[in-house]
Amino acid sequence: MEQINKKSKKKILVFGTFDGLDKGHEFFLRRAKHFGDNLYVSVARDEHVRDLKQKSALTNEVIRLNSIRNLPFVTEAILSDQILGLYDVIKKFEPDMIVLGFDQSDLEIDIIRWLQSKNLYIPIKRMKEMKM
């Protein structure tokens, strides 16, 4: 019997608000996709944007989510967890790598803390700020 070598596709997970989806967001998402085969996006909920950034997003979460879903290189996009810090999105997608933006250092610390509490390891890649 011949063995079929099925190479599993590498899954990349990113997080963001993506308010007023622009070329910078698209550049970040395309760069993140280069690390794997499938790109999964967790879009911040309106209430989390208000809590974390002390201001409201310009567009609501459904519009932001649909903007991301319409990008041809995004495999799947969902709204982030109802409760901050649960990271059900990590459990759902089981990513091979998490890619974060240059300005997501607090998120990186929180994810590392969560991963350690679960005795898990997922590589995290932080993108450098790019001048466009």
Protein backbone atom coordinates (compact mmCIF):
# COMPACT_ATOMS: atom_id res chain seq x y z
CA MET A 1 0.00 0.00 0.00
CA GLU A 2 1.30 3.41 -0.95
CA GLN A 3 1.58 5.96 1.81
CA ILE A 4 0.16 9.38 1.08
CA ASN A 5 2.12 12.17 2.72
CA LYS A 6 -0.40 14.76 3.84
CA LYS A 7 1.46 17.75 5.11
CA SER A 8 -0.70 19.63 7.58
CA LYS A 9 -1.30 23.24 6.76
CA LYS A 10 0.33 25.73 9.11
CA LYS A 11 -2.21 27.94 10.90
CA ILE A 12 -1.46 31.56 11.78
CA LEU A 13 -3.57 33.57 14.21
CA VAL A 14 -3.66 37.35 14.51
CA PHE A 15 -5.61 39.72 16.74
CA GLY A 16 -6.70 43.29 16.07
CA THR A 17 -9.32 45.99 16.00
CA PHE A 18 -8.95 46.72 12.27
CA ASP A 19 -10.93 49.94 12.55
CA GLY A 20 -11.15 51.63 9.17
CA LEU A 21 -9.35 48.77 7.42
CA ASP A 22 -6.46 50.42 5.60
CA LYS A 23 -3.31 49.56 3.65
CA GLY A 24 -1.34 49.20 6.89
CA HIS A 25 -3.77 46.60 8.20
CA GLU A 26 -3.68 44.74 4.90
CA PHE A 27 0.11 44.86 4.85
CA PHE A 28 0.23 43.40 8.38
CA LEU A 29 -2.25 40.65 7.49
CA ARG A 30 -0.42 39.73 4.26
CA ARG A 31 2.90 39.61 6.12
CA ALA A 32 1.36 37.39 8.81
CA LYS A 33 -0.01 35.04 6.14
CA HIS A 34 3.55 34.51 4.83
CA PHE A 35 4.33 32.53 7.99
CA GLY A 36 1.78 29.84 7.17
CA ASP A 37 -0.91 28.49 4.91
CA ASN A 38 -4.07 29.58 6.68
CA LEU A 39 -4.69 32.95 8.31
CA TYR A 40 -7.18 33.23 11.15
CA VAL A 41 -8.18 36.63 12.50
CA SER A 42 -9.71 37.54 15.85
CA VAL A 43 -11.44 40.93 15.59
CA ALA A 44 -11.81 42.93 18.80
CA ARG A 45 -15.29 43.47 20.16
CA ASP A 46 -16.60 47.02 20.51
CA GLU A 47 -16.69 46.84 24.32
CA HIS A 48 -13.05 45.66 24.46
CA VAL A 49 -11.93 48.50 22.20
CA ARG A 50 -13.61 50.98 24.57
CA ASP A 51 -12.09 49.32 27.64
CA LEU A 52 -8.55 48.93 26.27
CA LYS A 53 -8.19 52.06 24.14
CA GLN A 54 -10.45 54.37 26.16
CA LYS A 55 -12.28 55.30 22.97
CA SER A 56 -14.88 53.81 20.68
CA ALA A 57 -14.05 52.29 17.33
CA LEU A 58 -15.13 54.35 14.32
CA THR A 59 -16.98 51.35 12.88
CA ASN A 60 -18.85 48.67 14.78
CA GLU A 61 -17.56 45.14 15.25
CA VAL A 62 -19.80 43.58 12.60
CA ILE A 63 -18.59 45.98 9.91
CA ARG A 64 -14.96 45.46 10.96
CA LEU A 65 -15.42 41.67 11.00
CA ASN A 66 -17.02 41.64 7.55
CA SER A 67 -14.22 43.83 6.14
CA ILE A 68 -11.68 41.24 7.29
CA ARG A 69 -13.78 38.32 6.04
CA ASN A 70 -13.89 39.91 2.59
CA LEU A 71 -10.10 39.79 2.22
CA PRO A 72 -9.25 36.89 -0.11
CA PHE A 73 -6.17 35.80 1.85
CA VAL A 74 -8.01 35.44 5.20
CA THR A 75 -9.08 31.85 5.90
CA GLU A 76 -11.51 32.72 8.68
CA ALA A 77 -12.31 35.69 10.89
CA ILE A 78 -14.35 35.73 14.08
CA LEU A 79 -15.15 38.19 16.84
CA SER A 80 -12.89 37.88 19.86
CA ASP A 81 -13.99 36.22 23.07
CA GLN A 82 -16.88 37.75 24.99
CA ILE A 83 -14.63 37.93 28.05
CA LEU A 84 -11.07 39.23 27.76
CA GLY A 85 -8.36 36.74 28.64
CA LEU A 86 -10.23 33.51 27.92
CA TYR A 87 -8.48 32.96 24.58
CA ASP A 88 -11.13 30.56 23.32
CA VAL A 89 -9.98 31.65 19.87
CA ILE A 90 -6.63 29.96 20.53
CA LYS A 91 -8.43 26.80 21.63
CA LYS A 92 -10.69 26.95 18.56
CA PHE A 93 -8.03 27.42 15.88
CA GLU A 94 -5.05 25.71 17.56
CA PRO A 95 -2.58 27.94 15.70
CA ASP A 96 0.98 26.95 14.91
CA MET A 97 2.03 30.58 15.38
CA ILE A 98 0.55 33.83 16.65
CA VAL A 99 1.60 36.99 14.84
CA LEU A 100 1.17 40.32 16.59
CA GLY A 101 1.57 43.89 15.48
CA PHE A 102 4.37 46.16 16.65
CA ASP A 103 2.00 47.89 19.09
CA GLN A 104 0.58 44.77 20.76
CA SER A 105 3.14 44.28 23.55
CA ASP A 106 0.49 44.15 26.32
CA LEU A 107 -1.40 41.49 24.38
CA GLU A 108 1.81 39.52 23.89
CA ILE A 109 2.49 39.52 27.65
CA ASP A 110 -1.07 38.43 28.38
CA ILE A 111 -1.01 35.62 25.81
CA ILE A 112 2.35 34.34 27.10
CA ARG A 113 0.97 34.36 30.64
CA TRP A 114 -2.13 32.46 29.49
CA LEU A 115 -0.10 29.91 27.50
CA GLN A 116 2.17 29.27 30.49
CA SER A 117 -0.83 28.77 32.78
CA LYS A 118 -2.07 26.08 30.37
CA ASN A 119 1.41 24.57 29.97
CA LEU A 120 1.26 25.31 26.23
CA TYR A 121 3.78 26.71 23.82
CA ILE A 122 2.87 28.55 20.63
CA PRO A 123 5.54 30.70 18.99
CA ILE A 124 4.71 34.40 18.90
CA LYS A 125 6.14 36.64 16.20
CA ARG A 126 6.00 40.42 16.67
CA MET A 127 6.05 42.50 13.51
CA LYS A 128 8.23 45.57 13.42
CA GLU A 129 6.71 48.94 12.69
CA MET A 130 6.92 49.60 8.99
CA LYS A 131 6.97 53.10 7.56
CA MET A 132 4.72 53.18 4.53
